[in-house]
Amino acid sequence: MLRNAYFCLQTNNQALRNFKELIKDLALKPPIFFPFVGLFHVLWLVWIIWDDRYVHFPGIEWLQVLWLFGYTAFWLVACDLRKWGAAGYFLMTLLDVGLNFAAKRNMVSELYVSNLFLADIIFSLLLLFYYREFFPSLRTLKK
């Protein structure tokens, strides 16, 4: 029993050390604007959660938090220079664009789509230009 507790404590210390290395990598590995956009996403997510704190939890208004959590998670993974994070961010943006055009005539369309619609498009284009060597169809674009 004591041995299991020691192993669990050792694993938690390892996870904490890896978290510190992850934060360092997120700030130093990517180009300079990536961490700033990541910080923007995190701060906007905190603001949206704070803004919806009095709204009943399983309500439709919490879709904004879900959208922004997905964008933030994929952007932070892209900051760790993982191509699946960039692909996930781009696919979320495509889904957001599709929903935006599909729900355009709906009175409450702002509840179904991300409130950072244009910024997400710009950020996904930045990701595409940075990660173009990972996507074969974009290799024809020259630096």
N, C-alpha and C. Protein backbone atom coordinates (compact mmCIF):
# COMPACT_ATOMS: atom_id res chain seq x y z
N MET A 1 0.83 -1.19 0.00
CA MET A 1 0.00 0.00 0.00
C MET A 1 0.87 1.25 0.00
N LEU A 2 1.88 1.26 0.87
CA LEU A 2 2.78 2.42 0.94
C LEU A 2 3.57 2.55 -0.36
N ARG A 3 3.92 1.42 -0.92
CA ARG A 3 4.66 1.42 -2.18
C ARG A 3 3.82 2.05 -3.30
N ASN A 4 2.52 1.72 -3.34
CA ASN A 4 1.62 2.30 -4.35
C ASN A 4 1.48 3.80 -4.16
N ALA A 5 1.42 4.25 -2.90
CA ALA A 5 1.31 5.69 -2.63
C ALA A 5 2.59 6.40 -3.09
N TYR A 6 3.76 5.79 -2.88
CA TYR A 6 5.01 6.39 -3.33
C TYR A 6 5.04 6.48 -4.85
N PHE A 7 4.59 5.42 -5.52
CA PHE A 7 4.56 5.42 -6.98
C PHE A 7 3.63 6.51 -7.50
N CYS A 8 2.47 6.66 -6.84
CA CYS A 8 1.52 7.69 -7.25
C CYS A 8 2.11 9.08 -7.05
N LEU A 9 2.80 9.30 -5.92
CA LEU A 9 3.43 10.58 -5.65
C LEU A 9 4.53 10.86 -6.67
N GLN A 10 5.31 9.84 -6.99
CA GLN A 10 6.38 10.00 -7.97
C GLN A 10 5.79 10.32 -9.35
N THR A 11 4.71 9.67 -9.71
CA THR A 11 4.06 9.93 -10.98
C THR A 11 3.51 11.35 -11.02
N ASN A 12 2.93 11.83 -9.92
CA ASN A 12 2.41 13.19 -9.89
C ASN A 12 3.54 14.21 -10.02
N ASN A 13 4.69 13.97 -9.40
CA ASN A 13 5.83 14.87 -9.54
C ASN A 13 6.33 14.87 -10.98
N GLN A 14 6.32 13.71 -11.60
CA GLN A 14 6.73 13.63 -13.00
C GLN A 14 5.76 14.39 -13.89
N ALA A 15 4.47 14.27 -13.62
CA ALA A 15 3.48 14.98 -14.41
C ALA A 15 3.62 16.48 -14.22
N LEU A 16 3.94 16.92 -13.00
CA LEU A 16 4.12 18.34 -12.75
C LEU A 16 5.35 18.86 -13.48
N ARG A 17 6.42 18.09 -13.47
CA ARG A 17 7.62 18.49 -14.19
C ARG A 17 7.33 18.55 -15.69
N ASN A 18 6.59 17.59 -16.21
CA ASN A 18 6.24 17.61 -17.62
C ASN A 18 5.33 18.78 -17.95
N PHE A 19 4.46 19.17 -17.01
CA PHE A 19 3.60 20.32 -17.25
C PHE A 19 4.44 21.59 -17.34
N LYS A 20 5.46 21.71 -16.50
CA LYS A 20 6.35 22.87 -16.57
C LYS A 20 7.11 22.90 -17.89
N GLU A 21 7.57 21.75 -18.33
CA GLU A 21 8.25 21.67 -19.62
C GLU A 21 7.29 21.99 -20.76
N LEU A 22 6.04 21.56 -20.64
CA LEU A 22 5.05 21.85 -21.66
C LEU A 22 4.81 23.35 -21.77
N ILE A 23 4.68 24.03 -20.65
CA ILE A 23 4.47 25.48 -20.66
C ILE A 23 5.68 26.17 -21.29
N LYS A 24 6.87 25.70 -20.96
CA LYS A 24 8.08 26.26 -21.55
C LYS A 24 8.11 26.03 -23.06
N ASP A 25 7.74 24.83 -23.48
CA ASP A 25 7.72 24.52 -24.92
C ASP A 25 6.66 25.32 -25.66
N LEU A 26 5.50 25.52 -25.02
CA LEU A 26 4.45 26.29 -25.66
C LEU A 26 4.88 27.74 -25.87
N ALA A 27 5.73 28.23 -25.01
CA ALA A 27 6.16 29.63 -25.13
C ALA A 27 7.38 29.79 -26.04
N LEU A 28 8.23 28.78 -26.14
CA LEU A 28 9.50 28.96 -26.84
C LEU A 28 9.60 28.25 -28.19
N LYS A 29 8.88 27.16 -28.40
CA LYS A 29 9.02 26.42 -29.65
C LYS A 29 8.39 27.10 -30.87
N PRO A 30 7.16 27.57 -30.78
CA PRO A 30 6.51 28.12 -31.98
C PRO A 30 6.96 29.54 -32.28
N PRO A 31 6.53 30.10 -33.40
CA PRO A 31 6.80 31.52 -33.68
C PRO A 31 6.18 32.41 -32.60
N ILE A 32 6.62 33.63 -32.54
CA ILE A 32 6.29 34.51 -31.43
C ILE A 32 4.79 34.80 -31.31
N PHE A 33 4.05 34.84 -32.43
CA PHE A 33 2.64 35.18 -32.33
C PHE A 33 1.78 34.02 -31.85
N PHE A 34 2.26 32.78 -31.95
CA PHE A 34 1.48 31.63 -31.50
C PHE A 34 1.16 31.69 -30.00
N PRO A 35 2.14 31.91 -29.12
CA PRO A 35 1.79 31.99 -27.70
C PRO A 35 0.86 33.14 -27.36
N PHE A 36 0.99 34.27 -28.07
CA PHE A 36 0.10 35.39 -27.80
C PHE A 36 -1.33 35.08 -28.22
N VAL A 37 -1.50 34.40 -29.33
CA VAL A 37 -2.84 33.99 -29.75
C VAL A 37 -3.39 32.94 -28.77
N GLY A 38 -2.52 32.05 -28.29
CA GLY A 38 -2.94 31.08 -27.28
C GLY A 38 -3.39 31.76 -26.00
N LEU A 39 -2.65 32.77 -25.57
CA LEU A 39 -3.03 33.54 -24.38
C LEU A 39 -4.36 34.26 -24.62
N PHE A 40 -4.55 34.80 -25.83
CA PHE A 40 -5.82 35.43 -26.19
C PHE A 40 -6.96 34.43 -26.07
N HIS A 41 -6.76 33.20 -26.58
CA HIS A 41 -7.80 32.17 -26.49
C HIS A 41 -8.12 31.83 -25.03
N VAL A 42 -7.08 31.66 -24.22
CA VAL A 42 -7.30 31.30 -22.82
C VAL A 42 -8.04 32.42 -22.08
N LEU A 43 -7.62 33.66 -22.30
CA LEU A 43 -8.29 34.79 -21.63
C LEU A 43 -9.73 34.95 -22.10
N TRP A 44 -9.98 34.75 -23.39
CA TRP A 44 -11.34 34.85 -23.90
C TRP A 44 -12.21 33.73 -23.32
N LEU A 45 -11.63 32.52 -23.18
CA LEU A 45 -12.37 31.41 -22.58
C LEU A 45 -12.73 31.72 -21.13
N VAL A 46 -11.79 32.27 -20.38
CA VAL A 46 -12.08 32.65 -19.00
C VAL A 46 -13.17 33.72 -18.96
N TRP A 47 -13.12 34.68 -19.88
CA TRP A 47 -14.14 35.72 -19.92
C TRP A 47 -15.53 35.14 -20.23
N ILE A 48 -15.60 34.23 -21.18
CA ILE A 48 -16.89 33.63 -21.54
C ILE A 48 -17.45 32.82 -20.38
N ILE A 49 -16.58 32.08 -19.69
CA ILE A 49 -17.05 31.32 -18.52
C ILE A 49 -17.54 32.28 -17.44
N TRP A 50 -16.81 33.35 -17.21
CA TRP A 50 -17.22 34.35 -16.22
C TRP A 50 -18.54 35.02 -16.63
N ASP A 51 -18.70 35.29 -17.90
CA ASP A 51 -19.91 35.94 -18.39
C ASP A 51 -21.13 35.03 -18.25
N ASP A 52 -20.95 33.72 -18.40
CA ASP A 52 -22.06 32.76 -18.33
C ASP A 52 -22.19 32.10 -16.96
N ARG A 53 -21.61 32.67 -15.94
CA ARG A 53 -21.61 32.03 -14.63
C ARG A 53 -22.99 31.91 -14.02
N TYR A 54 -23.93 32.78 -14.39
CA TYR A 54 -25.28 32.73 -13.82
C TYR A 54 -26.28 32.01 -14.72
N VAL A 55 -25.81 31.56 -15.87
CA VAL A 55 -26.68 30.84 -16.80
C VAL A 55 -26.74 29.38 -16.37
N HIS A 56 -27.93 28.80 -16.43
CA HIS A 56 -28.09 27.39 -16.09
C HIS A 56 -27.16 26.54 -16.95
N PHE A 57 -26.44 25.58 -16.34
CA PHE A 57 -25.34 24.90 -17.03
C PHE A 57 -25.70 24.18 -18.31
N PRO A 58 -26.64 23.26 -18.35
CA PRO A 58 -26.82 22.60 -19.65
C PRO A 58 -27.61 23.43 -20.65
N GLY A 59 -27.52 24.73 -20.56
CA GLY A 59 -28.25 25.59 -21.48
C GLY A 59 -27.53 25.78 -22.81
N ILE A 60 -28.23 26.33 -23.77
CA ILE A 60 -27.69 26.53 -25.12
C ILE A 60 -26.58 27.59 -25.10
N GLU A 61 -26.59 28.48 -24.13
CA GLU A 61 -25.58 29.53 -24.06
C GLU A 61 -24.19 28.97 -23.81
N TRP A 62 -24.12 27.79 -23.23
CA TRP A 62 -22.82 27.18 -22.94
C TRP A 62 -22.16 26.59 -24.19
N LEU A 63 -22.83 26.64 -25.32
CA LEU A 63 -22.18 26.21 -26.57
C LEU A 63 -21.00 27.12 -26.90
N GLN A 64 -21.09 28.40 -26.55
CA GLN A 64 -19.96 29.31 -26.76
C GLN A 64 -18.74 28.84 -25.99
N VAL A 65 -18.94 28.40 -24.77
CA VAL A 65 -17.83 27.90 -23.96
C VAL A 65 -17.25 26.65 -24.59
N LEU A 66 -18.12 25.78 -25.09
CA LEU A 66 -17.66 24.56 -25.76
C LEU A 66 -16.85 24.88 -27.01
N TRP A 67 -17.34 25.80 -27.83
CA TRP A 67 -16.60 26.21 -29.02
C TRP A 67 -15.23 26.74 -28.63
N LEU A 68 -15.20 27.65 -27.69
CA LEU A 68 -13.94 28.29 -27.33
C LEU A 68 -12.99 27.32 -26.64
N PHE A 69 -13.53 26.37 -25.87
CA PHE A 69 -12.67 25.36 -25.26
C PHE A 69 -12.01 24.51 -26.35
N GLY A 70 -12.77 24.13 -27.36
CA GLY A 70 -12.19 23.35 -28.47
C GLY A 70 -11.13 24.14 -29.22
N TYR A 71 -11.43 25.40 -29.54
CA TYR A 71 -10.44 26.24 -30.21
C TYR A 71 -9.18 26.42 -29.37
N THR A 72 -9.36 26.65 -28.07
CA THR A 72 -8.21 26.85 -27.19
C THR A 72 -7.36 25.59 -27.09
N ALA A 73 -8.01 24.45 -26.92
CA ALA A 73 -7.27 23.20 -26.80
C ALA A 73 -6.49 22.90 -28.09
N PHE A 74 -7.13 23.05 -29.23
CA PHE A 74 -6.43 22.77 -30.48
C PHE A 74 -5.32 23.78 -30.74
N TRP A 75 -5.52 25.03 -30.37
CA TRP A 75 -4.47 26.02 -30.58
C TRP A 75 -3.27 25.73 -29.69
N LEU A 76 -3.50 25.35 -28.44
CA LEU A 76 -2.38 25.03 -27.55
C LEU A 76 -1.63 23.80 -28.03
N VAL A 77 -2.33 22.84 -28.59
CA VAL A 77 -1.65 21.66 -29.16
C VAL A 77 -0.85 22.08 -30.39
N ALA A 78 -1.40 22.99 -31.19
CA ALA A 78 -0.66 23.50 -32.35
C ALA A 78 0.56 24.29 -31.91
N CYS A 79 0.48 24.97 -30.77
CA CYS A 79 1.65 25.67 -30.23
C CYS A 79 2.74 24.70 -29.80
N ASP A 80 2.35 23.47 -29.48
CA ASP A 80 3.34 22.43 -29.16
C ASP A 80 3.87 21.79 -30.43
N LEU A 81 3.57 22.40 -31.57
CA LEU A 81 4.03 21.98 -32.90
C LEU A 81 3.55 20.57 -33.25
N ARG A 82 2.29 20.30 -32.94
CA ARG A 82 1.66 19.04 -33.34
C ARG A 82 0.71 19.35 -34.50
N LYS A 83 0.90 18.63 -35.59
CA LYS A 83 0.10 18.95 -36.78
C LYS A 83 -1.36 18.58 -36.60
N TRP A 84 -1.68 17.64 -35.73
CA TRP A 84 -3.09 17.30 -35.53
C TRP A 84 -3.82 18.43 -34.79
N GLY A 85 -3.10 19.23 -34.02
CA GLY A 85 -3.73 20.38 -33.40
C GLY A 85 -4.10 21.43 -34.42
N ALA A 86 -3.21 21.65 -35.37
CA ALA A 86 -3.50 22.60 -36.45
C ALA A 86 -4.64 22.09 -37.32
N ALA A 87 -4.64 20.79 -37.61
CA ALA A 87 -5.72 20.22 -38.43
C ALA A 87 -7.05 20.30 -37.68
N GLY A 88 -7.04 20.04 -36.38
CA GLY A 88 -8.27 20.14 -35.58
C GLY A 88 -8.80 21.56 -35.53
N TYR A 89 -7.90 22.54 -35.39
CA TYR A 89 -8.32 23.94 -35.37
C TYR A 89 -8.93 24.32 -36.72
N PHE A 90 -8.30 23.88 -37.78
CA PHE A 90 -8.81 24.18 -39.12
C PHE A 90 -10.16 23.51 -39.36
N LEU A 91 -10.32 22.26 -38.93
CA LEU A 91 -11.60 21.57 -39.11
C LEU A 91 -12.70 22.21 -38.28
N MET A 92 -12.37 22.66 -37.06
CA MET A 92 -13.36 23.37 -36.25
C MET A 92 -13.78 24.67 -36.93
N THR A 93 -12.81 25.34 -37.56
CA THR A 93 -13.14 26.57 -38.27
C THR A 93 -14.04 26.29 -39.46
N LEU A 94 -13.77 25.21 -40.19
CA LEU A 94 -14.65 24.84 -41.31
C LEU A 94 -16.06 24.51 -40.83
N LEU A 95 -16.17 23.80 -39.72
CA LEU A 95 -17.47 23.49 -39.15
C LEU A 95 -18.18 24.77 -38.71
N ASP A 96 -17.43 25.69 -38.14
CA ASP A 96 -17.99 26.96 -37.70
C ASP A 96 -18.48 27.79 -38.88
N VAL A 97 -17.72 27.81 -39.96
CA VAL A 97 -18.14 28.54 -41.17
C VAL A 97 -19.42 27.92 -41.74
N GLY A 98 -19.45 26.59 -41.79
CA GLY A 98 -20.65 25.92 -42.29
C GLY A 98 -21.87 26.21 -41.44
N LEU A 99 -21.70 26.14 -40.13
CA LEU A 99 -22.83 26.45 -39.24
C LEU A 99 -23.24 27.91 -39.32
N ASN A 100 -22.26 28.78 -39.52
CA ASN A 100 -22.57 30.20 -39.61
C ASN A 100 -23.44 30.48 -40.83
N PHE A 101 -23.11 29.88 -41.95
CA PHE A 101 -23.91 30.09 -43.15
C PHE A 101 -25.25 29.35 -43.08
N ALA A 102 -25.28 28.21 -42.41
CA ALA A 102 -26.53 27.45 -42.30
C ALA A 102 -27.50 28.14 -41.34
N ALA A 103 -27.00 28.72 -40.28
CA ALA A 103 -27.86 29.35 -39.27
C ALA A 103 -27.95 30.86 -39.45
N LYS A 104 -27.60 31.35 -40.62
CA LYS A 104 -27.58 32.80 -40.84
C LYS A 104 -28.97 33.42 -40.72
N ARG A 105 -29.98 32.72 -41.15
CA ARG A 105 -31.34 33.26 -41.10
C ARG A 105 -32.02 33.02 -39.77
N ASN A 106 -31.42 32.23 -38.92
CA ASN A 106 -31.99 31.94 -37.62
C ASN A 106 -31.81 33.14 -36.70
N MET A 107 -32.79 33.45 -35.91
CA MET A 107 -32.72 34.61 -35.01
C MET A 107 -31.65 34.45 -33.94
N VAL A 108 -31.40 33.23 -33.51
CA VAL A 108 -30.42 33.00 -32.44
C VAL A 108 -29.17 32.32 -32.99
N SER A 109 -28.75 32.69 -34.18
CA SER A 109 -27.59 32.03 -34.79
C SER A 109 -26.32 32.28 -34.01
N GLU A 110 -26.24 33.38 -33.27
CA GLU A 110 -25.03 33.65 -32.50
C GLU A 110 -24.84 32.67 -31.35
N LEU A 111 -25.88 31.93 -31.00
CA LEU A 111 -25.75 30.91 -29.96
C LEU A 111 -25.12 29.63 -30.50
N TYR A 112 -25.25 29.39 -31.80
CA TYR A 112 -24.79 28.14 -32.38
C TYR A 112 -23.39 28.21 -32.96
N VAL A 113 -22.88 29.38 -33.22
CA VAL A 113 -21.57 29.53 -33.83
C VAL A 113 -20.64 30.24 -32.86
N SER A 114 -19.36 30.18 -33.15
CA SER A 114 -18.37 30.84 -32.30
C SER A 114 -18.51 32.35 -32.43
N ASN A 115 -18.27 33.05 -31.33
CA ASN A 115 -18.36 34.50 -31.38
C ASN A 115 -17.07 35.14 -31.90
N LEU A 116 -16.06 34.35 -32.13
CA LEU A 116 -14.80 34.82 -32.71
C LEU A 116 -14.68 34.34 -34.16
N PHE A 117 -15.76 34.41 -34.89
CA PHE A 117 -15.84 33.81 -36.22
C PHE A 117 -14.73 34.30 -37.14
N LEU A 118 -14.58 35.60 -37.31
CA LEU A 118 -13.57 36.14 -38.23
C LEU A 118 -12.16 35.94 -37.70
N ALA A 119 -11.97 36.08 -36.40
CA ALA A 119 -10.65 35.85 -35.83
C ALA A 119 -10.22 34.40 -36.00
N ASP A 120 -11.16 33.47 -35.84
CA ASP A 120 -10.83 32.05 -36.03
C ASP A 120 -10.41 31.76 -37.46
N ILE A 121 -11.04 32.41 -38.42
CA ILE A 121 -10.65 32.23 -39.82
C ILE A 121 -9.23 32.75 -40.04
N ILE A 122 -8.93 33.91 -39.50
CA ILE A 122 -7.58 34.48 -39.65
C ILE A 122 -6.54 33.59 -38.97
N PHE A 123 -6.85 33.12 -37.76
CA PHE A 123 -5.90 32.26 -37.04
C PHE A 123 -5.70 30.93 -37.76
N SER A 124 -6.76 30.38 -38.35
CA SER A 124 -6.59 29.11 -39.07
C SER A 124 -5.76 29.32 -40.34
N LEU A 125 -5.89 30.47 -40.98
CA LEU A 125 -5.04 30.76 -42.14
C LEU A 125 -3.58 30.89 -41.72
N LEU A 126 -3.34 31.51 -40.57
CA LEU A 126 -1.96 31.59 -40.05
C LEU A 126 -1.40 30.19 -39.80
N LEU A 127 -2.23 29.33 -39.22
CA LEU A 127 -1.79 27.94 -38.99
C LEU A 127 -1.50 27.23 -40.30
N LEU A 128 -2.35 27.43 -41.29
CA LEU A 128 -2.13 26.77 -42.58
C LEU A 128 -0.83 27.23 -43.23
N PHE A 129 -0.54 28.51 -43.15
CA PHE A 129 0.70 28.99 -43.74
C PHE A 129 1.92 28.51 -42.97
N TYR A 130 1.81 28.37 -41.66
CA TYR A 130 2.95 27.89 -40.89
C TYR A 130 3.15 26.38 -41.07
N TYR A 131 2.07 25.63 -41.11
CA TYR A 131 2.15 24.17 -41.19
C TYR A 131 2.01 23.65 -42.63
N ARG A 132 2.27 24.46 -43.61
CA ARG A 132 2.04 24.02 -44.98
C ARG A 132 2.95 22.87 -45.40
N GLU A 133 4.09 22.67 -44.74
CA GLU A 133 4.94 21.53 -45.11
C GLU A 133 4.34 20.21 -44.64
N PHE A 134 3.39 20.26 -43.70
CA PHE A 134 2.75 19.03 -43.23
C PHE A 134 1.57 18.63 -44.10
N PHE A 135 1.01 19.58 -44.81
CA PHE A 135 -0.15 19.30 -45.66
C PHE A 135 0.31 19.24 -47.11
N PRO A 136 0.26 18.07 -47.75
CA PRO A 136 0.78 17.90 -49.09
C PRO A 136 0.14 18.82 -50.13
N SER A 137 -1.13 19.14 -49.98
CA SER A 137 -1.78 19.97 -50.98
C SER A 137 -1.32 21.43 -50.91
N LEU A 138 -0.70 21.80 -49.80
CA LEU A 138 -0.22 23.18 -49.65
C LEU A 138 1.28 23.32 -49.91
N ARG A 139 1.94 22.23 -50.31
CA ARG A 139 3.38 22.29 -50.53
C ARG A 139 3.77 23.15 -51.73
N THR A 140 2.84 23.40 -52.59
CA THR A 140 3.15 24.22 -53.77
C THR A 140 3.31 25.70 -53.40
N LEU A 141 2.83 26.09 -52.23
CA LEU A 141 3.00 27.48 -51.80
C LEU A 141 4.44 27.70 -51.37
N LYS A 142 5.08 28.70 -51.89
CA LYS A 142 6.49 28.99 -51.57
C LYS A 142 6.55 29.96 -50.41
N LYS A 143 7.64 29.85 -49.64
CA LYS A 143 7.84 30.78 -48.52
C LYS A 143 8.33 32.10 -49.02
